[in-house]
Amino acid sequence: MSEYNHMGVPVVKSVLFEVKGMNTPEDRINVMNAIHKYSGVLFIDVNMHEEKVKVDYDPNNITIGDMCRYIESENYIVDVLSDS
């Protein structure tokens, strides 16, 4: 189901992931590279020290499940902490 506001503009949502296993700057880059290339990912903020990743995305083009799978494919453990 497509999500648009009353003016027909796609809705932007945010999700906060806990990504276990990020210990080095290379891990930060790996996580970002795992999802930034996909349509619908608009912004990524990786906090390596807290093992948190915030993503702003267009739910018409990518799902939370997709992003989890892409990050997990890089051998990290992912949990969704919140989404809005």
PDB file of N, CA and C in Angstrom:
ATOM      1  N   MET A   1       0.834  -1.175   0.000  1.00  0.00           N
ATOM      2  CA  MET A   1       0.000   0.000   0.000  1.00  0.00           C
ATOM      3  C   MET A   1       0.885   1.245   0.000  1.00  0.00           C
ATOM      4  N   SER A   2       0.650   2.144  -0.916  1.00  0.00           N
ATOM      5  CA  SER A   2       1.430   3.373  -1.015  1.00  0.00           C
ATOM      6  C   SER A   2       1.028   4.340   0.081  1.00  0.00           C
ATOM      7  N   GLU A   3       2.011   5.092   0.562  1.00  0.00           N
ATOM      8  CA  GLU A   3       1.758   6.055   1.627  1.00  0.00           C
ATOM      9  C   GLU A   3       2.110   7.454   1.136  1.00  0.00           C
ATOM     10  N   TYR A   4       1.088   8.326   1.096  1.00  0.00           N
ATOM     11  CA  TYR A   4       1.248   9.705   0.659  1.00  0.00           C
ATOM     12  C   TYR A   4       0.499  10.611   1.617  1.00  0.00           C
ATOM     13  N   ASN A   5       0.944  11.872   1.717  1.00  0.00           N
ATOM     14  CA  ASN A   5       0.220  12.817   2.553  1.00  0.00           C
ATOM     15  C   ASN A   5      -0.958  13.388   1.766  1.00  0.00           C
ATOM     16  N   HIS A   6      -1.681  14.327   2.349  1.00  0.00           N
ATOM     17  CA  HIS A   6      -2.882  14.878   1.714  1.00  0.00           C
ATOM     18  C   HIS A   6      -2.586  15.657   0.431  1.00  0.00           C
ATOM     19  N   MET A   7      -1.315  15.999   0.200  1.00  0.00           N
ATOM     20  CA  MET A   7      -0.952  16.723  -1.021  1.00  0.00           C
ATOM     21  C   MET A   7      -0.351  15.786  -2.074  1.00  0.00           C
ATOM     22  N   GLY A   8      -0.365  14.496  -1.809  1.00  0.00           N
ATOM     23  CA  GLY A   8       0.149  13.532  -2.761  1.00  0.00           C
ATOM     24  C   GLY A   8       1.652  13.336  -2.723  1.00  0.00           C
ATOM     25  N   VAL A   9       2.297  13.853  -1.680  1.00  0.00           N
ATOM     26  CA  VAL A   9       3.747  13.721  -1.534  1.00  0.00           C
ATOM     27  C   VAL A   9       4.033  12.454  -0.729  1.00  0.00           C
ATOM     28  N   PRO A  10       4.999  11.642  -1.160  1.00  0.00           N
ATOM     29  CA  PRO A  10       5.312  10.431  -0.395  1.00  0.00           C
ATOM     30  C   PRO A  10       5.679  10.752   1.053  1.00  0.00           C
ATOM     31  N   VAL A  11       5.214   9.913   1.953  1.00  0.00           N
ATOM     32  CA  VAL A  11       5.495  10.055   3.377  1.00  0.00           C
ATOM     33  C   VAL A  11       6.908   9.544   3.651  1.00  0.00           C
ATOM     34  N   VAL A  12       7.666  10.293   4.440  1.00  0.00           N
ATOM     35  CA  VAL A  12       8.997   9.854   4.864  1.00  0.00           C
ATOM     36  C   VAL A  12       8.860   9.297   6.277  1.00  0.00           C
ATOM     37  N   LYS A  13       9.383   8.104   6.475  1.00  0.00           N
ATOM     38  CA  LYS A  13       9.367   7.471   7.792  1.00  0.00           C
ATOM     39  C   LYS A  13      10.789   7.316   8.302  1.00  0.00           C
ATOM     40  N   SER A  14      10.910   7.054   9.597  1.00  0.00           N
ATOM     41  CA  SER A  14      12.210   6.831  10.232  1.00  0.00           C
ATOM     42  C   SER A  14      12.175   5.517  10.988  1.00  0.00           C
ATOM     43  N   VAL A  15      13.319   4.873  11.022  1.00  0.00           N
ATOM     44  CA  VAL A  15      13.462   3.650  11.804  1.00  0.00           C
ATOM     45  C   VAL A  15      14.807   3.714  12.526  1.00  0.00           C
ATOM     46  N   LEU A  16      14.814   3.197  13.744  1.00  0.00           N
ATOM     47  CA  LEU A  16      16.044   3.125  14.524  1.00  0.00           C
ATOM     48  C   LEU A  16      16.365   1.658  14.751  1.00  0.00           C
ATOM     49  N   PHE A  17      17.525   1.259  14.269  1.00  0.00           N
ATOM     50  CA  PHE A  17      18.004  -0.116  14.424  1.00  0.00           C
ATOM     51  C   PHE A  17      19.093  -0.178  15.484  1.00  0.00           C
ATOM     52  N   GLU A  18      19.149  -1.294  16.183  1.00  0.00           N
ATOM     53  CA  GLU A  18      20.334  -1.650  16.948  1.00  0.00           C
ATOM     54  C   GLU A  18      21.083  -2.641  16.069  1.00  0.00           C
ATOM     55  N   VAL A  19      22.349  -2.342  15.795  1.00  0.00           N
ATOM     56  CA  VAL A  19      23.162  -3.198  14.928  1.00  0.00           C
ATOM     57  C   VAL A  19      24.356  -3.680  15.736  1.00  0.00           C
ATOM     58  N   LYS A  20      24.313  -4.932  16.130  1.00  0.00           N
ATOM     59  CA  LYS A  20      25.378  -5.498  16.956  1.00  0.00           C
ATOM     60  C   LYS A  20      26.516  -5.978  16.077  1.00  0.00           C
ATOM     61  N   GLY A  21      27.732  -5.667  16.529  1.00  0.00           N
ATOM     62  CA  GLY A  21      28.921  -6.105  15.814  1.00  0.00           C
ATOM     63  C   GLY A  21      29.680  -4.974  15.142  1.00  0.00           C
ATOM     64  N   MET A  22      29.188  -3.731  15.315  1.00  0.00           N
ATOM     65  CA  MET A  22      29.914  -2.583  14.745  1.00  0.00           C
ATOM     66  C   MET A  22      30.991  -2.162  15.735  1.00  0.00           C
ATOM     67  N   ASN A  23      32.241  -2.410  15.385  1.00  0.00           N
ATOM     68  CA  ASN A  23      33.345  -2.102  16.290  1.00  0.00           C
ATOM     69  C   ASN A  23      34.392  -1.185  15.684  1.00  0.00           C
ATOM     70  N   THR A  24      34.419  -1.074  14.383  1.00  0.00           N
ATOM     71  CA  THR A  24      35.475  -0.321  13.712  1.00  0.00           C
ATOM     72  C   THR A  24      34.862   0.654  12.707  1.00  0.00           C
ATOM     73  N   PRO A  25      35.627   1.638  12.267  1.00  0.00           N
ATOM     74  CA  PRO A  25      35.123   2.535  11.219  1.00  0.00           C
ATOM     75  C   PRO A  25      34.724   1.775   9.944  1.00  0.00           C
ATOM     76  N   GLU A  26      35.397   0.664   9.675  1.00  0.00           N
ATOM     77  CA  GLU A  26      35.033  -0.142   8.506  1.00  0.00           C
ATOM     78  C   GLU A  26      33.639  -0.735   8.667  1.00  0.00           C
ATOM     79  N   ASP A  27      33.274  -1.106   9.890  1.00  0.00           N
ATOM     80  CA  ASP A  27      31.928  -1.620  10.147  1.00  0.00           C
ATOM     81  C   ASP A  27      30.886  -0.551   9.843  1.00  0.00           C
ATOM     82  N   ARG A  28      31.164   0.676  10.260  1.00  0.00           N
ATOM     83  CA  ARG A  28      30.250   1.786   9.986  1.00  0.00           C
ATOM     84  C   ARG A  28      30.024   1.924   8.485  1.00  0.00           C
ATOM     85  N   ILE A  29      31.100   1.881   7.727  1.00  0.00           N
ATOM     86  CA  ILE A  29      31.010   2.002   6.272  1.00  0.00           C
ATOM     87  C   ILE A  29      30.262   0.811   5.685  1.00  0.00           C
ATOM     88  N   ASN A  30      30.538  -0.389   6.180  1.00  0.00           N
ATOM     89  CA  ASN A  30      29.852  -1.582   5.680  1.00  0.00           C
ATOM     90  C   ASN A  30      28.345  -1.483   5.875  1.00  0.00           C
ATOM     91  N   VAL A  31      27.921  -1.021   7.047  1.00  0.00           N
ATOM     92  CA  VAL A  31      26.485  -0.897   7.321  1.00  0.00           C
ATOM     93  C   VAL A  31      25.864   0.149   6.400  1.00  0.00           C
ATOM     94  N   MET A  32      26.524   1.276   6.259  1.00  0.00           N
ATOM     95  CA  MET A  32      25.997   2.313   5.371  1.00  0.00           C
ATOM     96  C   MET A  32      25.913   1.807   3.928  1.00  0.00           C
ATOM     97  N   ASN A  33      26.961   1.135   3.476  1.00  0.00           N
ATOM     98  CA  ASN A  33      26.966   0.616   2.110  1.00  0.00           C
ATOM     99  C   ASN A  33      25.919  -0.461   1.889  1.00  0.00           C
ATOM    100  N   ALA A  34      25.557  -1.174   2.946  1.00  0.00           N
ATOM    101  CA  ALA A  34      24.568  -2.242   2.817  1.00  0.00           C
ATOM    102  C   ALA A  34      23.200  -1.710   2.408  1.00  0.00           C
ATOM    103  N   ILE A  35      22.888  -0.450   2.770  1.00  0.00           N
ATOM    104  CA  ILE A  35      21.536   0.047   2.488  1.00  0.00           C
ATOM    105  C   ILE A  35      21.462   1.326   1.669  1.00  0.00           C
ATOM    106  N   HIS A  36      22.530   2.116   1.610  1.00  0.00           N
ATOM    107  CA  HIS A  36      22.402   3.432   0.970  1.00  0.00           C
ATOM    108  C   HIS A  36      22.106   3.354  -0.517  1.00  0.00           C
ATOM    109  N   LYS A  37      22.460   2.281  -1.160  1.00  0.00           N
ATOM    110  CA  LYS A  37      22.327   2.183  -2.611  1.00  0.00           C
ATOM    111  C   LYS A  37      20.901   1.858  -3.065  1.00  0.00           C
ATOM    112  N   TYR A  38      20.023   1.556  -2.129  1.00  0.00           N
ATOM    113  CA  TYR A  38      18.666   1.154  -2.496  1.00  0.00           C
ATOM    114  C   TYR A  38      17.728   2.347  -2.564  1.00  0.00           C
ATOM    115  N   SER A  39      16.875   2.307  -3.562  1.00  0.00           N
ATOM    116  CA  SER A  39      15.876   3.358  -3.745  1.00  0.00           C
ATOM    117  C   SER A  39      14.985   3.411  -2.513  1.00  0.00           C
ATOM    118  N   GLY A  40      14.742   4.595  -2.037  1.00  0.00           N
ATOM    119  CA  GLY A  40      13.895   4.775  -0.870  1.00  0.00           C
ATOM    120  C   GLY A  40      14.662   5.114   0.386  1.00  0.00           C
ATOM    121  N   VAL A  41      15.965   4.847   0.417  1.00  0.00           N
ATOM    122  CA  VAL A  41      16.782   5.217   1.571  1.00  0.00           C
ATOM    123  C   VAL A  41      17.207   6.666   1.367  1.00  0.00           C
ATOM    124  N   LEU A  42      16.759   7.542   2.272  1.00  0.00           N
ATOM    125  CA  LEU A  42      16.965   8.976   2.100  1.00  0.00           C
ATOM    126  C   LEU A  42      18.085   9.535   2.974  1.00  0.00           C
ATOM    127  N   PHE A  43      18.270   8.967   4.162  1.00  0.00           N
ATOM    128  CA  PHE A  43      19.267   9.476   5.097  1.00  0.00           C
ATOM    129  C   PHE A  43      19.666   8.350   6.037  1.00  0.00           C
ATOM    130  N   ILE A  44      20.960   8.263   6.339  1.00  0.00           N
ATOM    131  CA  ILE A  44      21.468   7.244   7.273  1.00  0.00           C
ATOM    132  C   ILE A  44      22.379   7.931   8.278  1.00  0.00           C
ATOM    133  N   ASP A  45      22.145   7.663   9.561  1.00  0.00           N
ATOM    134  CA  ASP A  45      23.017   8.154  10.623  1.00  0.00           C
ATOM    135  C   ASP A  45      23.478   6.951  11.437  1.00  0.00           C
ATOM    136  N   VAL A  46      24.760   6.648  11.398  1.00  0.00           N
ATOM    137  CA  VAL A  46      25.314   5.495  12.102  1.00  0.00           C
ATOM    138  C   VAL A  46      26.082   5.976  13.327  1.00  0.00           C
ATOM    139  N   ASN A  47      25.676   5.508  14.493  1.00  0.00           N
ATOM    140  CA  ASN A  47      26.405   5.759  15.739  1.00  0.00           C
ATOM    141  C   ASN A  47      27.063   4.444  16.133  1.00  0.00           C
ATOM    142  N   MET A  48      28.305   4.309  15.742  1.00  0.00           N
ATOM    143  CA  MET A  48      29.040   3.066  15.938  1.00  0.00           C
ATOM    144  C   MET A  48      29.195   2.720  17.417  1.00  0.00           C
ATOM    145  N   HIS A  49      29.436   3.709  18.260  1.00  0.00           N
ATOM    146  CA  HIS A  49      29.711   3.457  19.671  1.00  0.00           C
ATOM    147  C   HIS A  49      28.477   2.957  20.419  1.00  0.00           C
ATOM    148  N   GLU A  50      27.294   3.433  20.003  1.00  0.00           N
ATOM    149  CA  GLU A  50      26.049   2.975  20.629  1.00  0.00           C
ATOM    150  C   GLU A  50      25.411   1.824  19.850  1.00  0.00           C
ATOM    151  N   GLU A  51      26.018   1.460  18.738  1.00  0.00           N
ATOM    152  CA  GLU A  51      25.508   0.408  17.855  1.00  0.00           C
ATOM    153  C   GLU A  51      24.084   0.713  17.385  1.00  0.00           C
ATOM    154  N   LYS A  52      23.856   1.966  17.005  1.00  0.00           N
ATOM    155  CA  LYS A  52      22.542   2.397  16.542  1.00  0.00           C
ATOM    156  C   LYS A  52      22.646   2.963  15.133  1.00  0.00           C
ATOM    157  N   VAL A  53      21.608   2.707  14.338  1.00  0.00           N
ATOM    158  CA  VAL A  53      21.530   3.232  12.975  1.00  0.00           C
ATOM    159  C   VAL A  53      20.135   3.787  12.775  1.00  0.00           C
ATOM    160  N   LYS A  54      20.063   5.084  12.449  1.00  0.00           N
ATOM    161  CA  LYS A  54      18.777   5.726  12.146  1.00  0.00           C
ATOM    162  C   LYS A  54      18.697   5.904  10.631  1.00  0.00           C
ATOM    163  N   VAL A  55      17.564   5.507  10.065  1.00  0.00           N
ATOM    164  CA  VAL A  55      17.365   5.627   8.629  1.00  0.00           C
ATOM    165  C   VAL A  55      16.044   6.337   8.370  1.00  0.00           C
ATOM    166  N   ASP A  56      16.083   7.384   7.549  1.00  0.00           N
ATOM    167  CA  ASP A  56      14.881   7.998   7.021  1.00  0.00           C
ATOM    168  C   ASP A  56      14.658   7.380   5.654  1.00  0.00           C
ATOM    169  N   TYR A  57      13.429   6.975   5.386  1.00  0.00           N
ATOM    170  CA  TYR A  57      13.174   6.226   4.157  1.00  0.00           C
ATOM    171  C   TYR A  57      11.767   6.485   3.622  1.00  0.00           C
ATOM    172  N   ASP A  58      11.591   6.167   2.361  1.00  0.00           N
ATOM    173  CA  ASP A  58      10.295   6.241   1.697  1.00  0.00           C
ATOM    174  C   ASP A  58       9.705   4.831   1.706  1.00  0.00           C
ATOM    175  N   PRO A  59       8.643   4.595   2.488  1.00  0.00           N
ATOM    176  CA  PRO A  59       8.093   3.250   2.600  1.00  0.00           C
ATOM    177  C   PRO A  59       7.445   2.749   1.308  1.00  0.00           C
ATOM    178  N   ASN A  60       7.312   3.617   0.323  1.00  0.00           N
ATOM    179  CA  ASN A  60       6.790   3.186  -0.972  1.00  0.00           C
ATOM    180  C   ASN A  60       7.851   2.437  -1.774  1.00  0.00           C
ATOM    181  N   ASN A  61       9.121   2.581  -1.383  1.00  0.00           N
ATOM    182  CA  ASN A  61      10.215   1.994  -2.144  1.00  0.00           C
ATOM    183  C   ASN A  61      11.032   0.952  -1.402  1.00  0.00           C
ATOM    184  N   ILE A  62      10.990   0.961  -0.077  1.00  0.00           N
ATOM    185  CA  ILE A  62      11.786  -0.002   0.696  1.00  0.00           C
ATOM    186  C   ILE A  62      11.080  -0.254   2.023  1.00  0.00           C
ATOM    187  N   THR A  63      11.244  -1.455   2.546  1.00  0.00           N
ATOM    188  CA  THR A  63      10.618  -1.796   3.821  1.00  0.00           C
ATOM    189  C   THR A  63      11.677  -1.950   4.909  1.00  0.00           C
ATOM    190  N   ILE A  64      11.218  -1.938   6.134  1.00  0.00           N
ATOM    191  CA  ILE A  64      12.118  -2.178   7.259  1.00  0.00           C
ATOM    192  C   ILE A  64      12.722  -3.574   7.146  1.00  0.00           C
ATOM    193  N   GLY A  65      11.919  -4.533   6.759  1.00  0.00           N
ATOM    194  CA  GLY A  65      12.414  -5.900   6.588  1.00  0.00           C
ATOM    195  C   GLY A  65      13.525  -5.991   5.553  1.00  0.00           C
ATOM    196  N   ASP A  66      13.355  -5.241   4.448  1.00  0.00           N
ATOM    197  CA  ASP A  66      14.411  -5.206   3.427  1.00  0.00           C
ATOM    198  C   ASP A  66      15.717  -4.696   4.026  1.00  0.00           C
ATOM    199  N   MET A  67      15.629  -3.577   4.741  1.00  0.00           N
ATOM    200  CA  MET A  67      16.841  -2.988   5.312  1.00  0.00           C
ATOM    201  C   MET A  67      17.499  -3.937   6.312  1.00  0.00           C
ATOM    202  N   CYS A  68      16.692  -4.606   7.130  1.00  0.00           N
ATOM    203  CA  CYS A  68      17.250  -5.581   8.074  1.00  0.00           C
ATOM    204  C   CYS A  68      18.011  -6.669   7.321  1.00  0.00           C
ATOM    205  N   ARG A  69      17.408  -7.202   6.275  1.00  0.00           N
ATOM    206  CA  ARG A  69      18.062  -8.267   5.503  1.00  0.00           C
ATOM    207  C   ARG A  69      19.361  -7.788   4.871  1.00  0.00           C
ATOM    208  N   TYR A  70      19.367  -6.556   4.338  1.00  0.00           N
ATOM    209  CA  TYR A  70      20.574  -6.030   3.694  1.00  0.00           C
ATOM    210  C   TYR A  70      21.712  -5.878   4.711  1.00  0.00           C
ATOM    211  N   ILE A  71      21.382  -5.375   5.906  1.00  0.00           N
ATOM    212  CA  ILE A  71      22.417  -5.217   6.946  1.00  0.00           C
ATOM    213  C   ILE A  71      22.870  -6.590   7.449  1.00  0.00           C
ATOM    214  N   GLU A  72      21.916  -7.485   7.671  1.00  0.00           N
ATOM    215  CA  GLU A  72      22.268  -8.828   8.139  1.00  0.00           C
ATOM    216  C   GLU A  72      23.120  -9.572   7.121  1.00  0.00           C
ATOM    217  N   SER A  73      22.966  -9.256   5.845  1.00  0.00           N
ATOM    218  CA  SER A  73      23.772  -9.922   4.813  1.00  0.00           C
ATOM    219  C   SER A  73      25.256  -9.574   4.943  1.00  0.00           C
ATOM    220  N   GLU A  74      25.551  -8.512   5.710  1.00  0.00           N
ATOM    221  CA  GLU A  74      26.941  -8.124   5.981  1.00  0.00           C
ATOM    222  C   GLU A  74      27.429  -8.708   7.315  1.00  0.00           C
ATOM    223  N   ASN A  75      26.674  -9.655   7.857  1.00  0.00           N
ATOM    224  CA  ASN A  75      27.034 -10.400   9.075  1.00  0.00           C
ATOM    225  C   ASN A  75      26.913  -9.597  10.369  1.00  0.00           C
ATOM    226  N   TYR A  76      25.912  -8.720  10.435  1.00  0.00           N
ATOM    227  CA  TYR A  76      25.590  -8.003  11.667  1.00  0.00           C
ATOM    228  C   TYR A  76      24.258  -8.520  12.188  1.00  0.00           C
ATOM    229  N   ILE A  77      24.028  -8.353  13.468  1.00  0.00           N
ATOM    230  CA  ILE A  77      22.758  -8.722  14.094  1.00  0.00           C
ATOM    231  C   ILE A  77      21.934  -7.454  14.242  1.00  0.00           C
ATOM    232  N   VAL A  78      20.714  -7.478  13.728  1.00  0.00           N
ATOM    233  CA  VAL A  78      19.889  -6.272  13.659  1.00  0.00           C
ATOM    234  C   VAL A  78      18.591  -6.462  14.438  1.00  0.00           C
ATOM    235  N   ASP A  79      18.240  -5.451  15.231  1.00  0.00           N
ATOM    236  CA  ASP A  79      16.954  -5.372  15.911  1.00  0.00           C
ATOM    237  C   ASP A  79      16.348  -4.012  15.631  1.00  0.00           C
ATOM    238  N   VAL A  80      15.037  -3.969  15.456  1.00  0.00           N
ATOM    239  CA  VAL A  80      14.333  -2.703  15.286  1.00  0.00           C
ATOM    240  C   VAL A  80      13.993  -2.174  16.666  1.00  0.00           C
ATOM    241  N   LEU A  81      14.486  -0.961  16.983  1.00  0.00           N
ATOM    242  CA  LEU A  81      14.198  -0.352  18.282  1.00  0.00           C
ATOM    243  C   LEU A  81      12.943   0.491  18.228  1.00  0.00           C
ATOM    244  N   SER A  82      12.752   1.215  17.130  1.00  0.00           N
ATOM    245  CA  SER A  82      11.540   2.035  16.969  1.00  0.00           C
ATOM    246  C   SER A  82      11.367   2.378  15.498  1.00  0.00           C
ATOM    247  N   ASP A  83      10.118   2.652  15.151  1.00  0.00           N
ATOM    248  CA  ASP A  83       9.838   3.145  13.808  1.00  0.00           C
ATOM    249  C   ASP A  83       8.672   4.107  13.867  1.00  0.00           C
ATOM    250  N   SER A  84       8.744   5.108  13.003  1.00  0.00           N
ATOM    251  CA  SER A  84       7.671   6.124  12.965  1.00  0.00           C
ATOM    252  C   SER A  84       7.509   6.656  11.566  1.00  0.00           C
TER     253      SER A  84
END
